[in-house]
Every structure is written in C-alpha cells, then in structure tokens.
C-alpha atoms as a PDB file:
ATOM      1  CA  MET A   1       0.005   0.043  -0.200  1.00  0.00           C
ATOM      2  CA  GLU A   2       2.893   2.437   0.688  1.00  0.00           C
ATOM      3  CA  TRP A   3       4.185   1.782  -3.086  1.00  0.00           C
ATOM      4  CA  LEU A   4       0.800   3.405  -4.230  1.00  0.00           C
ATOM      5  CA  GLY A   5       1.499   6.451  -2.209  1.00  0.00           C
ATOM      6  CA  PHE A   6       5.245   6.676  -3.297  1.00  0.00           C
ATOM      7  CA  ILE A   7       4.196   6.303  -6.902  1.00  0.00           C
ATOM      8  CA  ALA A   8       1.425   9.069  -6.673  1.00  0.00           C
ATOM      9  CA  LEU A   9       4.212  11.434  -5.033  1.00  0.00           C
ATOM     10  CA  LEU A  10       6.598  10.555  -8.068  1.00  0.00           C
ATOM     11  CA  LEU A  11       4.009  11.563 -10.707  1.00  0.00           C
ATOM     12  CA  LEU A  12       2.798  14.602  -8.747  1.00  0.00           C
ATOM     13  CA  LEU A  13       6.550  15.661  -8.680  1.00  0.00           C
ATOM     14  CA  CYS A  14       6.929  14.895 -12.476  1.00  0.00           C
ATOM     15  CA  TYR A  15       4.062  16.896 -13.535  1.00  0.00           C
ATOM     16  CA  SER A  16       4.368  19.787 -11.210  1.00  0.00           C
ATOM     17  CA  SER A  17       5.975  21.819 -13.918  1.00  0.00           C
ATOM     18  CA  TYR A  18       3.246  20.918 -16.606  1.00  0.00           C
ATOM     19  CA  PRO A  19       0.953  23.944 -16.288  1.00  0.00           C
ATOM     20  CA  SER A  20       3.802  26.355 -17.001  1.00  0.00           C
ATOM     21  CA  LYS A  21       4.827  24.279 -20.027  1.00  0.00           C
ATOM     22  CA  VAL A  22       1.160  24.592 -21.145  1.00  0.00           C
ATOM     23  CA  LYS A  23       1.074  28.382 -20.528  1.00  0.00           C
ATOM     24  CA  LYS A  24       4.411  28.805 -22.496  1.00  0.00           C
ATOM     25  CA  LEU A  25       2.988  26.672 -25.466  1.00  0.00           C
ATOM     26  CA  GLU A  26      -0.363  28.704 -25.528  1.00  0.00           C
ATOM     27  CA  ALA A  27       1.632  32.260 -25.444  1.00  0.00           C
ATOM     28  CA  LYS A  28       3.543  30.645 -28.708  1.00  0.00           C
ATOM     29  CA  ILE A  29       0.330  29.515 -30.308  1.00  0.00           C
ATOM     30  CA  LYS A  30      -1.319  33.001 -29.790  1.00  0.00           C
ATOM     31  CA  LYS A  31       1.670  34.728 -31.510  1.00  0.00           C
ATOM     32  CA  LEU A  32       1.354  32.455 -34.584  1.00  0.00           C
ATOM     33  CA  GLU A  33      -2.172  32.996 -34.841  1.00  0.00           C
ATOM     34  CA  LYS A  34      -1.817  36.764 -34.719  1.00  0.00           C
ATOM     35  CA  LYS A  35       0.880  36.535 -37.662  1.00  0.00           C
ATOM     36  CA  GLN A  36      -1.396  34.289 -39.445  1.00  0.00           C
ATOM     37  CA  LYS A  37      -4.437  36.549 -39.057  1.00  0.00           C
ATOM     38  CA  GLY A  38      -2.625  39.679 -39.838  1.00  0.00           C
ATOM     39  CA  ASP A  39      -3.323  41.462 -36.434  1.00  0.00           C
ATOM     40  CA  SER A  40       0.190  42.692 -36.349  1.00  0.00           C
ATOM     41  CA  TYR A  41      -0.318  44.540 -39.663  1.00  0.00           C
ATOM     42  CA  MET A  42      -3.428  46.051 -38.411  1.00  0.00           C
ATOM     43  CA  ALA A  43      -1.854  47.003 -35.249  1.00  0.00           C
ATOM     44  CA  ARG A  44       0.930  48.895 -37.386  1.00  0.00           C
ATOM     45  CA  LEU A  45      -1.783  50.755 -39.531  1.00  0.00           C
ATOM     46  CA  ILE A  46      -3.736  51.658 -36.442  1.00  0.00           C
ATOM     47  CA  SER A  47      -0.430  53.013 -34.650  1.00  0.00           C
ATOM     48  CA  ASP A  48      -0.188  55.568 -37.842  1.00  0.00           C
ATOM     49  CA  LEU A  49      -3.438  57.004 -36.560  1.00  0.00           C
ATOM     50  CA  VAL A  50      -2.236  58.296 -33.383  1.00  0.00           C
ATOM     51  CA  GLY A  51      -3.208  61.759 -32.613  1.00  0.00           C
ATOM     52  CA  LYS A  52      -5.934  61.722 -35.595  1.00  0.00           C
ATOM     53  CA  LYS A  53      -9.707  61.858 -35.298  1.00  0.00           C
ATOM     54  CA  CYS A  54     -11.251  58.446 -36.297  1.00  0.00           C
ATOM     55  CA  LYS A  55     -14.527  56.549 -36.397  1.00  0.00           C
ATOM     56  CA  ILE A  56     -14.015  53.052 -35.266  1.00  0.00           C
ATOM     57  CA  VAL A  57     -16.671  50.383 -35.804  1.00  0.00           C
ATOM     58  CA  LEU A  58     -16.467  47.301 -33.588  1.00  0.00           C
ATOM     59  CA  GLU A  59     -17.586  43.806 -34.497  1.00  0.00           C
ATOM     60  CA  ASN A  60     -20.924  44.296 -32.357  1.00  0.00           C
ATOM     61  CA  ALA A  61     -21.831  47.204 -34.721  1.00  0.00           C
ATOM     62  CA  PHE A  62     -21.186  49.748 -32.097  1.00  0.00           C
ATOM     63  CA  ASP A  63     -19.299  52.806 -33.359  1.00  0.00           C
ATOM     64  CA  ILE A  64     -16.921  55.267 -31.325  1.00  0.00           C
ATOM     65  CA  LYS A  65     -15.645  58.586 -32.551  1.00  0.00           C
ATOM     66  CA  GLY A  66     -12.670  60.102 -30.907  1.00  0.00           C
ATOM     67  CA  THR A  67      -9.014  60.776 -30.733  1.00  0.00           C
ATOM     68  CA  VAL A  68      -6.621  57.996 -31.069  1.00  0.00           C
ATOM     69  CA  LEU A  69      -4.229  58.367 -28.051  1.00  0.00           C
ATOM     70  CA  ASP A  70      -2.126  55.414 -28.336  1.00  0.00           C
ATOM     71  CA  ALA A  71      -1.834  51.771 -29.718  1.00  0.00           C
ATOM     72  CA  ASP A  72       0.005  48.691 -29.403  1.00  0.00           C
ATOM     73  CA  ASP A  73      -0.159  45.185 -30.663  1.00  0.00           C
ATOM     74  CA  GLU A  74      -3.256  44.348 -28.976  1.00  0.00           C
ATOM     75  CA  TRP A  75      -4.966  47.489 -27.572  1.00  0.00           C
ATOM     76  CA  ILE A  76      -5.901  50.847 -28.843  1.00  0.00           C
ATOM     77  CA  LYS A  77      -6.399  53.835 -26.388  1.00  0.00           C
ATOM     78  CA  ILE A  78      -9.093  56.314 -27.615  1.00  0.00           C
ATOM     79  CA  GLU A  79     -10.590  59.626 -26.033  1.00  0.00           C
ATOM     80  CA  THR A  80     -14.131  60.079 -26.903  1.00  0.00           C
ATOM     81  CA  CYS A  81     -16.429  63.221 -26.393  1.00  0.00           C
ATOM     82  CA  HIS A  82     -19.946  62.201 -25.308  1.00  0.00           C
ATOM     83  CA  SER A  83     -22.939  64.512 -25.182  1.00  0.00           C
ATOM     84  CA  ASP A  84     -23.582  63.693 -21.403  1.00  0.00           C
ATOM     85  CA  LYS A  85     -24.844  66.553 -19.214  1.00  0.00           C
ATOM     86  CA  LYS A  86     -21.261  67.555 -18.420  1.00  0.00           C
ATOM     87  CA  GLU A  87     -20.019  66.573 -21.876  1.00  0.00           C
ATOM     88  CA  LYS A  88     -17.008  64.812 -20.510  1.00  0.00           C
ATOM     89  CA  ASN A  89     -14.025  63.325 -22.429  1.00  0.00           C
ATOM     90  CA  ILE A  90     -14.131  59.672 -21.807  1.00  0.00           C
ATOM     91  CA  THR A  91     -10.922  57.441 -22.479  1.00  0.00           C
ATOM     92  CA  LYS A  92     -11.586  54.014 -23.847  1.00  0.00           C
ATOM     93  CA  ILE A  93      -9.326  51.058 -24.280  1.00  0.00           C
ATOM     94  CA  ILE A  94     -10.340  48.536 -26.725  1.00  0.00           C
ATOM     95  CA  ARG A  95      -8.948  45.408 -28.078  1.00  0.00           C
ATOM     96  CA  ILE A  96      -7.708  45.438 -31.711  1.00  0.00           C
ATOM     97  CA  GLU A  97      -9.223  42.137 -32.506  1.00  0.00           C
ATOM     98  CA  GLU A  98     -12.735  43.686 -31.756  1.00  0.00           C
ATOM     99  CA  ILE A  99     -12.270  46.488 -34.654  1.00  0.00           C
ATOM    100  CA  HIS A 100     -14.238  45.793 -37.751  1.00  0.00           C
ATOM    101  CA  GLU A 101     -13.635  49.006 -39.406  1.00  0.00           C
ATOM    102  CA  VAL A 102     -11.938  52.490 -38.895  1.00  0.00           C
ATOM    103  CA  GLU A 103     -12.779  55.468 -40.895  1.00  0.00           C
ATOM    104  CA  LEU A 104     -10.461  58.717 -40.787  1.00  0.00           C
ATOM    105  CA  ILE A 105     -12.486  61.702 -39.789  1.00  0.00           C
ATOM    106  CA  ASN A 106     -11.108  64.995 -41.654  1.00  0.00           C
ATOM    107  CA  GLU A 107     -11.885  68.266 -39.898  1.00  0.00           C
END
C-alpha cells in the first residue's frame, strides 16, 4: 500500500511543472495565430493613426468617434467626447481584435 503512495508522489513531482509548459505553448500559439490573421499588420496601421480623429466600428456594430491616443499590438486607447450633461471626455481602451472598421475623420 505504501508503494501506491510513493508512485503517486513521484507522478505529482513529475507533472508539477506541466502547467507552466502549457502556458508557454499557449503564448507561442497565440503569437502564431496573430501572424496568420494579420493582427500585427492592423496594429501597425492603427499606430499610424495616433493623434488623429477616427470613427471606429466594432464587431458588435457599435461605433466610437474620438481621437486615437495610443496603440500597441493588442490594444488601442481612444478619447471620446460624449454629449452627457457635463460633456466629459471619456478614455476607452479597446482590443484591436474587436475592431471591424476604421474611418478617418477630416476636420
């Protein structure tokens, strides 16, 4: 009976580093999927829009009008002006994957 406990302990020690290996593989797969989908190309295009007014249409057909403040490979930071009672400028951070269309607004 003691042997079963010893074998279980050995199996536990062998597979204790398994979750970290899975996380590393998931990160590598995510990078490969991005390259295949062309997200990095879209991120480069969006980074060129920093400081310009744009209309961004998301996948759920919701559109946002505002100024692009910053962008990286996964996220875009945009400042919008809503017509609330106080007309506050609201800063939103959106995943690039959710963007369906970008339209440059000329003023």
